[in-house]
Amino acid sequence: MTEEREKKLKEYFSWTHPFAVAVYNISKEFNIGSLLRTAHCAKAKEFFLIGEKSFNTYASVSSEKWTEITYFETMEEFLIFISKSDYNLILVEQSNDSVSLFDFKYPKNPLFLLGKEKGGLPDTVKNQNYPVLEIPQYGLIHSLNLSCSGSIVIYHYLYQHYKGNQ
């Protein structure tokens, strides 16, 4: 490894942004790979796979080599982990009690949880009073692609994070 490459890697691993991303039972592997790539580009602290663990490495463009990925077999295992961590879980979902992305105030150490393409998140997590963030949508089709939704939330969070720190 060249000295320049070693220096670049050392700098990259010297810090991360204080947020993480989790996905639950995503069936479209390209979506997971694309969202993992965005999480890497935004320097997320961690990326969590719950249930389904396969992802498209073409879409991730090798970001799995540089981003910490943790796998949980069940949502229950993930929720136990969350209860013992310093993360603040935020559900990204369309629901009656969701808060618009435009009005949402992010807590410290957010962990954004996105559910499967059809059916979203299970009731076991939706019924636990976690904040629910929704991206406003105005078209006839009321759903964004999973990786697109996650990317919007990540960069909206970073915008508020940096705006608040100026």
N, C-alpha and C. Protein backbone atom coordinates (compact mmCIF):
# COMPACT_ATOMS: atom_id res chain seq x y z
N MET A 1 0.85 -1.17 0.00
CA MET A 1 0.00 0.00 0.00
C MET A 1 0.91 1.24 0.00
N THR A 2 0.52 2.20 -0.83
CA THR A 2 1.32 3.41 -0.90
C THR A 2 1.11 4.25 0.36
N GLU A 3 2.04 5.12 0.62
CA GLU A 3 1.94 6.00 1.79
C GLU A 3 0.73 6.94 1.65
N GLU A 4 0.48 7.38 0.43
CA GLU A 4 -0.66 8.27 0.18
C GLU A 4 -1.98 7.54 0.47
N ARG A 5 -2.09 6.28 0.01
CA ARG A 5 -3.29 5.48 0.26
C ARG A 5 -3.47 5.22 1.75
N GLU A 6 -2.39 4.90 2.43
CA GLU A 6 -2.44 4.66 3.87
C GLU A 6 -2.91 5.91 4.62
N LYS A 7 -2.43 7.06 4.23
CA LYS A 7 -2.83 8.32 4.85
C LYS A 7 -4.32 8.60 4.62
N LYS A 8 -4.78 8.33 3.39
CA LYS A 8 -6.19 8.54 3.05
C LYS A 8 -7.09 7.64 3.90
N LEU A 9 -6.71 6.38 4.05
CA LEU A 9 -7.50 5.45 4.86
C LEU A 9 -7.51 5.85 6.34
N LYS A 10 -6.37 6.26 6.83
CA LYS A 10 -6.29 6.69 8.24
C LYS A 10 -7.20 7.88 8.48
N GLU A 11 -7.21 8.83 7.57
CA GLU A 11 -8.09 10.00 7.69
C GLU A 11 -9.55 9.57 7.63
N TYR A 12 -9.88 8.69 6.68
CA TYR A 12 -11.26 8.26 6.55
C TYR A 12 -11.78 7.62 7.84
N PHE A 13 -10.99 6.75 8.45
CA PHE A 13 -11.43 6.03 9.65
C PHE A 13 -11.26 6.84 10.93
N SER A 14 -10.79 8.07 10.84
CA SER A 14 -10.56 8.88 12.05
C SER A 14 -11.85 9.48 12.62
N TRP A 15 -12.92 9.51 11.83
CA TRP A 15 -14.18 10.08 12.33
C TRP A 15 -15.36 9.57 11.49
N THR A 16 -16.54 9.65 12.06
CA THR A 16 -17.79 9.38 11.35
C THR A 16 -18.82 10.40 11.82
N HIS A 17 -19.89 10.52 11.06
CA HIS A 17 -21.01 11.34 11.52
C HIS A 17 -21.79 10.55 12.57
N PRO A 18 -22.44 11.25 13.50
CA PRO A 18 -23.14 10.55 14.60
C PRO A 18 -24.53 10.06 14.23
N PHE A 19 -24.61 9.19 13.22
CA PHE A 19 -25.89 8.58 12.86
C PHE A 19 -25.62 7.22 12.26
N ALA A 20 -26.68 6.42 12.17
CA ALA A 20 -26.59 5.10 11.55
C ALA A 20 -27.87 4.83 10.77
N VAL A 21 -27.84 3.78 9.96
CA VAL A 21 -28.98 3.40 9.13
C VAL A 21 -29.24 1.90 9.31
N ALA A 22 -30.52 1.54 9.38
CA ALA A 22 -30.90 0.13 9.46
C ALA A 22 -32.00 -0.13 8.45
N VAL A 23 -31.98 -1.33 7.88
CA VAL A 23 -33.03 -1.74 6.95
C VAL A 23 -33.58 -3.09 7.40
N TYR A 24 -34.91 -3.23 7.25
CA TYR A 24 -35.59 -4.44 7.71
C TYR A 24 -36.20 -5.20 6.53
N ASN A 25 -35.74 -6.43 6.33
CA ASN A 25 -36.29 -7.37 5.35
C ASN A 25 -36.50 -6.77 3.96
N ILE A 26 -35.51 -6.08 3.47
CA ILE A 26 -35.59 -5.49 2.14
C ILE A 26 -35.37 -6.60 1.11
N SER A 27 -36.29 -6.74 0.19
CA SER A 27 -36.21 -7.83 -0.78
C SER A 27 -35.43 -7.45 -2.03
N LYS A 28 -35.31 -6.17 -2.30
CA LYS A 28 -34.60 -5.73 -3.50
C LYS A 28 -33.16 -5.40 -3.14
N GLU A 29 -32.28 -6.33 -3.45
CA GLU A 29 -30.88 -6.22 -3.05
C GLU A 29 -30.19 -4.98 -3.59
N PHE A 30 -30.64 -4.50 -4.74
CA PHE A 30 -30.04 -3.28 -5.31
C PHE A 30 -30.33 -2.08 -4.39
N ASN A 31 -31.52 -2.05 -3.79
CA ASN A 31 -31.86 -0.95 -2.88
C ASN A 31 -30.93 -0.92 -1.67
N ILE A 32 -30.64 -2.08 -1.11
CA ILE A 32 -29.75 -2.13 0.06
C ILE A 32 -28.35 -1.66 -0.34
N GLY A 33 -27.86 -2.17 -1.46
CA GLY A 33 -26.53 -1.76 -1.92
C GLY A 33 -26.45 -0.27 -2.18
N SER A 34 -27.48 0.30 -2.79
CA SER A 34 -27.50 1.73 -3.07
C SER A 34 -27.54 2.56 -1.79
N LEU A 35 -28.35 2.13 -0.83
CA LEU A 35 -28.44 2.87 0.43
C LEU A 35 -27.16 2.73 1.24
N LEU A 36 -26.54 1.56 1.20
CA LEU A 36 -25.26 1.37 1.86
C LEU A 36 -24.22 2.32 1.27
N ARG A 37 -24.24 2.48 -0.03
CA ARG A 37 -23.32 3.41 -0.70
C ARG A 37 -23.55 4.84 -0.21
N THR A 38 -24.81 5.26 -0.10
CA THR A 38 -25.11 6.59 0.40
C THR A 38 -24.65 6.75 1.84
N ALA A 39 -24.91 5.74 2.67
CA ALA A 39 -24.48 5.79 4.08
C ALA A 39 -22.96 5.94 4.16
N HIS A 40 -22.25 5.22 3.30
CA HIS A 40 -20.80 5.33 3.27
C HIS A 40 -20.37 6.74 2.85
N CYS A 41 -20.98 7.25 1.78
CA CYS A 41 -20.61 8.59 1.30
C CYS A 41 -20.89 9.67 2.34
N ALA A 42 -21.89 9.44 3.18
CA ALA A 42 -22.23 10.40 4.23
C ALA A 42 -21.46 10.13 5.53
N LYS A 43 -20.62 9.11 5.53
CA LYS A 43 -19.81 8.70 6.68
C LYS A 43 -20.67 8.35 7.89
N ALA A 44 -21.64 7.47 7.65
CA ALA A 44 -22.46 6.95 8.75
C ALA A 44 -21.59 6.14 9.68
N LYS A 45 -21.97 6.13 10.95
CA LYS A 45 -21.24 5.37 11.95
C LYS A 45 -21.36 3.87 11.69
N GLU A 46 -22.59 3.42 11.35
CA GLU A 46 -22.85 1.99 11.15
C GLU A 46 -24.01 1.79 10.19
N PHE A 47 -24.11 0.59 9.69
CA PHE A 47 -25.22 0.18 8.83
C PHE A 47 -25.69 -1.18 9.35
N PHE A 48 -27.00 -1.32 9.55
CA PHE A 48 -27.56 -2.55 10.11
C PHE A 48 -28.49 -3.23 9.12
N LEU A 49 -28.35 -4.53 8.99
CA LEU A 49 -29.25 -5.35 8.19
C LEU A 49 -30.06 -6.21 9.16
N ILE A 50 -31.37 -6.17 9.01
CA ILE A 50 -32.26 -6.95 9.87
C ILE A 50 -33.06 -7.89 8.98
N GLY A 51 -33.05 -9.19 9.29
CA GLY A 51 -33.77 -10.16 8.47
C GLY A 51 -32.96 -10.52 7.25
N GLU A 52 -33.34 -9.97 6.13
CA GLU A 52 -32.62 -10.22 4.87
C GLU A 52 -31.25 -9.58 4.93
N LYS A 53 -30.21 -10.34 4.56
CA LYS A 53 -28.87 -9.78 4.66
C LYS A 53 -28.12 -9.69 3.34
N SER A 54 -28.72 -10.14 2.26
CA SER A 54 -28.06 -10.05 0.97
C SER A 54 -28.21 -8.64 0.40
N PHE A 55 -27.16 -8.17 -0.25
CA PHE A 55 -27.25 -6.88 -0.94
C PHE A 55 -26.41 -6.92 -2.20
N ASN A 56 -26.70 -6.04 -3.10
CA ASN A 56 -26.05 -6.00 -4.39
C ASN A 56 -24.74 -5.23 -4.27
N THR A 57 -23.64 -5.94 -4.47
CA THR A 57 -22.33 -5.30 -4.34
C THR A 57 -22.02 -4.37 -5.51
N TYR A 58 -22.67 -4.59 -6.65
CA TYR A 58 -22.51 -3.65 -7.77
C TYR A 58 -23.05 -2.28 -7.38
N ALA A 59 -24.21 -2.27 -6.72
CA ALA A 59 -24.81 -1.00 -6.30
C ALA A 59 -24.05 -0.36 -5.15
N SER A 60 -23.44 -1.17 -4.30
CA SER A 60 -22.72 -0.61 -3.15
C SER A 60 -21.34 -0.08 -3.53
N VAL A 61 -20.85 -0.47 -4.70
CA VAL A 61 -19.56 0.00 -5.23
C VAL A 61 -18.45 -0.14 -4.19
N SER A 62 -18.37 -1.25 -3.53
CA SER A 62 -17.37 -1.63 -2.53
C SER A 62 -17.46 -0.86 -1.21
N SER A 63 -18.54 -0.12 -1.00
CA SER A 63 -18.68 0.61 0.27
C SER A 63 -18.78 -0.33 1.46
N GLU A 64 -19.14 -1.60 1.23
CA GLU A 64 -19.19 -2.57 2.33
C GLU A 64 -17.81 -2.82 2.92
N LYS A 65 -16.76 -2.48 2.19
CA LYS A 65 -15.40 -2.64 2.70
C LYS A 65 -15.04 -1.55 3.70
N TRP A 66 -15.75 -0.45 3.66
CA TRP A 66 -15.36 0.72 4.44
C TRP A 66 -16.42 1.15 5.46
N THR A 67 -17.54 0.49 5.47
CA THR A 67 -18.63 0.84 6.39
C THR A 67 -18.90 -0.36 7.29
N GLU A 68 -19.02 -0.11 8.59
CA GLU A 68 -19.30 -1.20 9.52
C GLU A 68 -20.73 -1.68 9.32
N ILE A 69 -20.88 -2.97 9.02
CA ILE A 69 -22.20 -3.57 8.79
C ILE A 69 -22.42 -4.63 9.86
N THR A 70 -23.58 -4.53 10.52
CA THR A 70 -23.95 -5.51 11.54
C THR A 70 -25.27 -6.14 11.13
N TYR A 71 -25.36 -7.44 11.31
CA TYR A 71 -26.56 -8.18 10.92
C TYR A 71 -27.30 -8.69 12.15
N PHE A 72 -28.62 -8.52 12.13
CA PHE A 72 -29.51 -9.08 13.15
C PHE A 72 -30.51 -9.99 12.45
N GLU A 73 -30.66 -11.18 12.96
CA GLU A 73 -31.57 -12.14 12.34
C GLU A 73 -33.03 -11.71 12.49
N THR A 74 -33.38 -11.11 13.64
CA THR A 74 -34.77 -10.72 13.89
C THR A 74 -34.86 -9.27 14.37
N MET A 75 -36.05 -8.73 14.23
CA MET A 75 -36.30 -7.37 14.72
C MET A 75 -36.15 -7.33 16.23
N GLU A 76 -36.54 -8.40 16.92
CA GLU A 76 -36.43 -8.45 18.38
C GLU A 76 -34.98 -8.31 18.83
N GLU A 77 -34.06 -9.02 18.15
CA GLU A 77 -32.64 -8.90 18.47
C GLU A 77 -32.16 -7.45 18.26
N PHE A 78 -32.60 -6.84 17.18
CA PHE A 78 -32.22 -5.46 16.88
C PHE A 78 -32.73 -4.51 17.96
N LEU A 79 -33.98 -4.68 18.38
CA LEU A 79 -34.57 -3.79 19.39
C LEU A 79 -33.87 -3.95 20.75
N ILE A 80 -33.42 -5.15 21.07
CA ILE A 80 -32.65 -5.35 22.31
C ILE A 80 -31.33 -4.58 22.21
N PHE A 81 -30.69 -4.68 21.06
CA PHE A 81 -29.45 -3.93 20.84
C PHE A 81 -29.70 -2.42 21.01
N ILE A 82 -30.77 -1.92 20.40
CA ILE A 82 -31.09 -0.48 20.47
C ILE A 82 -31.30 -0.05 21.91
N SER A 83 -31.98 -0.87 22.68
CA SER A 83 -32.27 -0.50 24.09
C SER A 83 -31.00 -0.36 24.92
N LYS A 84 -29.92 -0.99 24.48
CA LYS A 84 -28.66 -0.94 25.22
C LYS A 84 -27.65 0.03 24.58
N SER A 85 -28.04 0.65 23.50
CA SER A 85 -27.12 1.54 22.78
C SER A 85 -27.45 3.01 23.09
N ASP A 86 -26.64 3.90 22.55
CA ASP A 86 -26.93 5.33 22.70
C ASP A 86 -27.64 5.89 21.48
N TYR A 87 -28.09 5.01 20.58
CA TYR A 87 -28.84 5.47 19.41
C TYR A 87 -30.26 5.86 19.78
N ASN A 88 -30.80 6.81 19.04
CA ASN A 88 -32.20 7.19 19.12
C ASN A 88 -32.87 6.74 17.83
N LEU A 89 -33.69 5.71 17.94
CA LEU A 89 -34.32 5.10 16.78
C LEU A 89 -35.38 6.02 16.20
N ILE A 90 -35.33 6.19 14.88
CA ILE A 90 -36.32 6.97 14.14
C ILE A 90 -36.84 6.09 13.02
N LEU A 91 -38.15 5.91 12.98
CA LEU A 91 -38.76 5.11 11.92
C LEU A 91 -39.00 6.01 10.71
N VAL A 92 -38.65 5.53 9.54
CA VAL A 92 -38.92 6.26 8.30
C VAL A 92 -40.05 5.51 7.63
N GLU A 93 -41.26 6.10 7.72
CA GLU A 93 -42.45 5.36 7.33
C GLU A 93 -43.61 6.34 7.11
N GLN A 94 -44.50 6.01 6.21
CA GLN A 94 -45.73 6.78 6.04
C GLN A 94 -46.75 6.25 7.03
N SER A 95 -47.23 7.12 7.91
CA SER A 95 -48.24 6.68 8.88
C SER A 95 -49.06 7.88 9.35
N ASN A 96 -50.14 7.60 10.07
CA ASN A 96 -51.01 8.67 10.56
C ASN A 96 -50.33 9.57 11.59
N ASP A 97 -49.36 9.01 12.32
CA ASP A 97 -48.71 9.80 13.37
C ASP A 97 -47.29 10.24 13.00
N SER A 98 -46.98 10.25 11.71
CA SER A 98 -45.64 10.64 11.29
C SER A 98 -45.49 12.16 11.30
N VAL A 99 -44.24 12.61 11.37
CA VAL A 99 -43.90 14.02 11.31
C VAL A 99 -43.22 14.27 9.97
N SER A 100 -43.61 15.33 9.31
CA SER A 100 -43.03 15.67 8.02
C SER A 100 -41.53 15.90 8.15
N LEU A 101 -40.80 15.48 7.17
CA LEU A 101 -39.36 15.73 7.09
C LEU A 101 -39.07 17.22 7.28
N PHE A 102 -39.95 18.07 6.76
CA PHE A 102 -39.74 19.52 6.84
C PHE A 102 -39.85 20.06 8.26
N ASP A 103 -40.53 19.35 9.14
CA ASP A 103 -40.73 19.79 10.52
C ASP A 103 -39.96 18.97 11.54
N PHE A 104 -39.29 17.93 11.09
CA PHE A 104 -38.66 16.99 12.01
C PHE A 104 -37.40 17.57 12.64
N LYS A 105 -37.27 17.40 13.95
CA LYS A 105 -36.07 17.81 14.69
C LYS A 105 -35.35 16.54 15.11
N TYR A 106 -34.15 16.38 14.63
CA TYR A 106 -33.40 15.16 14.87
C TYR A 106 -32.77 15.15 16.26
N PRO A 107 -32.88 14.04 16.96
CA PRO A 107 -32.19 13.90 18.24
C PRO A 107 -30.71 13.61 18.00
N LYS A 108 -29.95 13.60 19.06
CA LYS A 108 -28.56 13.18 18.94
C LYS A 108 -28.51 11.70 18.61
N ASN A 109 -27.50 11.29 17.89
CA ASN A 109 -27.27 9.89 17.53
C ASN A 109 -28.49 9.19 16.92
N PRO A 110 -29.05 9.76 15.86
CA PRO A 110 -30.22 9.09 15.26
C PRO A 110 -29.82 7.81 14.54
N LEU A 111 -30.74 6.87 14.57
CA LEU A 111 -30.60 5.64 13.79
C LEU A 111 -31.87 5.53 12.96
N PHE A 112 -31.75 5.66 11.66
CA PHE A 112 -32.90 5.66 10.76
C PHE A 112 -33.22 4.23 10.35
N LEU A 113 -34.45 3.81 10.62
CA LEU A 113 -34.89 2.45 10.30
C LEU A 113 -35.92 2.50 9.18
N LEU A 114 -35.61 1.83 8.09
CA LEU A 114 -36.50 1.75 6.93
C LEU A 114 -36.98 0.31 6.78
N GLY A 115 -38.27 0.16 6.45
CA GLY A 115 -38.87 -1.16 6.34
C GLY A 115 -38.95 -1.67 4.92
N LYS A 116 -39.42 -2.90 4.81
CA LYS A 116 -39.50 -3.56 3.52
C LYS A 116 -40.38 -2.79 2.54
N GLU A 117 -40.14 -3.03 1.26
CA GLU A 117 -40.80 -2.27 0.20
C GLU A 117 -42.32 -2.40 0.25
N LYS A 118 -42.80 -3.60 0.50
CA LYS A 118 -44.25 -3.81 0.60
C LYS A 118 -44.56 -4.21 2.03
N GLY A 119 -45.27 -3.36 2.74
CA GLY A 119 -45.65 -3.67 4.11
C GLY A 119 -44.91 -2.85 5.15
N GLY A 120 -43.78 -2.27 4.80
CA GLY A 120 -43.06 -1.40 5.73
C GLY A 120 -42.52 -2.12 6.95
N LEU A 121 -42.62 -1.44 8.07
CA LEU A 121 -42.10 -1.97 9.34
C LEU A 121 -43.16 -2.77 10.08
N PRO A 122 -42.76 -3.76 10.86
CA PRO A 122 -43.74 -4.57 11.60
C PRO A 122 -44.33 -3.79 12.78
N ASP A 123 -45.51 -4.21 13.19
CA ASP A 123 -46.18 -3.57 14.33
C ASP A 123 -45.35 -3.63 15.61
N THR A 124 -44.52 -4.66 15.75
CA THR A 124 -43.71 -4.79 16.97
C THR A 124 -42.81 -3.57 17.18
N VAL A 125 -42.41 -2.92 16.12
CA VAL A 125 -41.60 -1.71 16.26
C VAL A 125 -42.45 -0.45 16.15
N LYS A 126 -43.49 -0.48 15.34
CA LYS A 126 -44.34 0.71 15.16
C LYS A 126 -45.13 1.03 16.43
N ASN A 127 -45.41 0.05 17.26
CA ASN A 127 -46.21 0.26 18.47
C ASN A 127 -45.38 0.64 19.69
N GLN A 128 -44.15 1.01 19.51
CA GLN A 128 -43.28 1.29 20.65
C GLN A 128 -42.98 2.78 20.85
N ASN A 129 -43.75 3.64 20.24
CA ASN A 129 -43.64 5.09 20.43
C ASN A 129 -42.33 5.70 19.98
N TYR A 130 -41.69 5.09 18.99
CA TYR A 130 -40.52 5.73 18.40
C TYR A 130 -41.02 6.85 17.48
N PRO A 131 -40.25 7.91 17.33
CA PRO A 131 -40.68 8.96 16.39
C PRO A 131 -40.73 8.41 14.97
N VAL A 132 -41.69 8.89 14.20
CA VAL A 132 -41.88 8.45 12.82
C VAL A 132 -41.71 9.65 11.90
N LEU A 133 -40.79 9.55 10.98
CA LEU A 133 -40.49 10.60 10.02
C LEU A 133 -41.04 10.20 8.66
N GLU A 134 -41.69 11.14 8.00
CA GLU A 134 -42.25 10.87 6.67
C GLU A 134 -41.78 11.93 5.70
N ILE A 135 -41.43 11.51 4.51
CA ILE A 135 -41.05 12.44 3.44
C ILE A 135 -42.33 12.86 2.72
N PRO A 136 -42.64 14.16 2.70
CA PRO A 136 -43.86 14.60 2.00
C PRO A 136 -43.80 14.23 0.52
N GLN A 137 -44.92 13.77 0.02
CA GLN A 137 -45.00 13.36 -1.39
C GLN A 137 -46.29 13.91 -1.97
N TYR A 138 -46.21 14.43 -3.17
CA TYR A 138 -47.33 15.15 -3.77
C TYR A 138 -47.85 14.53 -5.06
N GLY A 139 -47.21 13.51 -5.55
CA GLY A 139 -47.62 12.89 -6.81
C GLY A 139 -48.72 11.87 -6.61
N LEU A 140 -49.16 11.31 -7.70
CA LEU A 140 -50.19 10.28 -7.64
C LEU A 140 -49.64 8.98 -7.06
N ILE A 141 -48.35 8.74 -7.26
CA ILE A 141 -47.69 7.59 -6.65
C ILE A 141 -47.11 8.09 -5.33
N HIS A 142 -47.54 7.51 -4.22
CA HIS A 142 -47.17 8.01 -2.90
C HIS A 142 -46.09 7.17 -2.23
N SER A 143 -45.08 6.79 -2.99
CA SER A 143 -43.96 6.10 -2.37
C SER A 143 -42.71 6.34 -3.20
N LEU A 144 -41.63 6.56 -2.50
CA LEU A 144 -40.33 6.70 -3.13
C LEU A 144 -39.59 5.37 -3.04
N ASN A 145 -38.63 5.19 -3.90
CA ASN A 145 -37.75 4.05 -3.82
C ASN A 145 -37.05 4.07 -2.46
N LEU A 146 -36.83 2.90 -1.88
CA LEU A 146 -36.23 2.79 -0.55
C LEU A 146 -34.88 3.50 -0.46
N SER A 147 -34.01 3.27 -1.41
CA SER A 147 -32.69 3.90 -1.33
C SER A 147 -32.80 5.41 -1.52
N CYS A 148 -33.75 5.84 -2.31
CA CYS A 148 -33.99 7.28 -2.48
C CYS A 148 -34.49 7.89 -1.17
N SER A 149 -35.44 7.25 -0.53
CA SER A 149 -35.97 7.74 0.75
C SER A 149 -34.88 7.84 1.80
N GLY A 150 -34.10 6.78 1.93
CA GLY A 150 -33.02 6.78 2.91
C GLY A 150 -32.01 7.87 2.63
N SER A 151 -31.69 8.08 1.36
CA SER A 151 -30.72 9.11 0.99
C SER A 151 -31.23 10.50 1.32
N ILE A 152 -32.50 10.75 1.05
CA ILE A 152 -33.09 12.05 1.38
C ILE A 152 -32.99 12.31 2.88
N VAL A 153 -33.37 11.32 3.67
CA VAL A 153 -33.34 11.47 5.13
C VAL A 153 -31.91 11.69 5.63
N ILE A 154 -30.96 10.92 5.13
CA ILE A 154 -29.56 11.07 5.55
C ILE A 154 -29.06 12.48 5.29
N TYR A 155 -29.28 12.98 4.10
CA TYR A 155 -28.74 14.30 3.76
C TYR A 155 -29.54 15.44 4.37
N HIS A 156 -30.81 15.22 4.64
CA HIS A 156 -31.57 16.23 5.39
C HIS A 156 -31.04 16.31 6.82
N TYR A 157 -30.77 15.16 7.40
CA TYR A 157 -30.17 15.15 8.74
C TYR A 157 -28.83 15.88 8.73
N LEU A 158 -27.96 15.57 7.77
CA LEU A 158 -26.66 16.23 7.70
C LEU A 158 -26.80 17.73 7.51
N TYR A 159 -27.77 18.15 6.72
CA TYR A 159 -28.02 19.58 6.54
C TYR A 159 -28.34 20.23 7.88
N GLN A 160 -29.28 19.64 8.62
CA GLN A 160 -29.63 20.21 9.93
C GLN A 160 -28.47 20.12 10.91
N HIS A 161 -27.73 19.03 10.85
CA HIS A 161 -26.57 18.84 11.74
C HIS A 161 -25.56 19.96 11.53
N TYR A 162 -25.22 20.24 10.29
CA TYR A 162 -24.23 21.27 9.99
C TYR A 162 -24.79 22.67 10.15
N LYS A 163 -26.02 22.86 9.82
CA LYS A 163 -26.65 24.17 10.00
C LYS A 163 -26.71 24.54 11.48
N GLY A 164 -27.01 23.54 12.31
CA GLY A 164 -27.06 23.77 13.76
C GLY A 164 -25.70 23.99 14.39
N ASN A 165 -24.65 23.49 13.73
CA ASN A 165 -23.29 23.63 14.29
C ASN A 165 -22.56 24.86 13.76
N GLN A 166 -23.21 25.68 12.95
CA GLN A 166 -22.54 26.87 12.43
C GLN A 166 -22.68 28.04 13.36
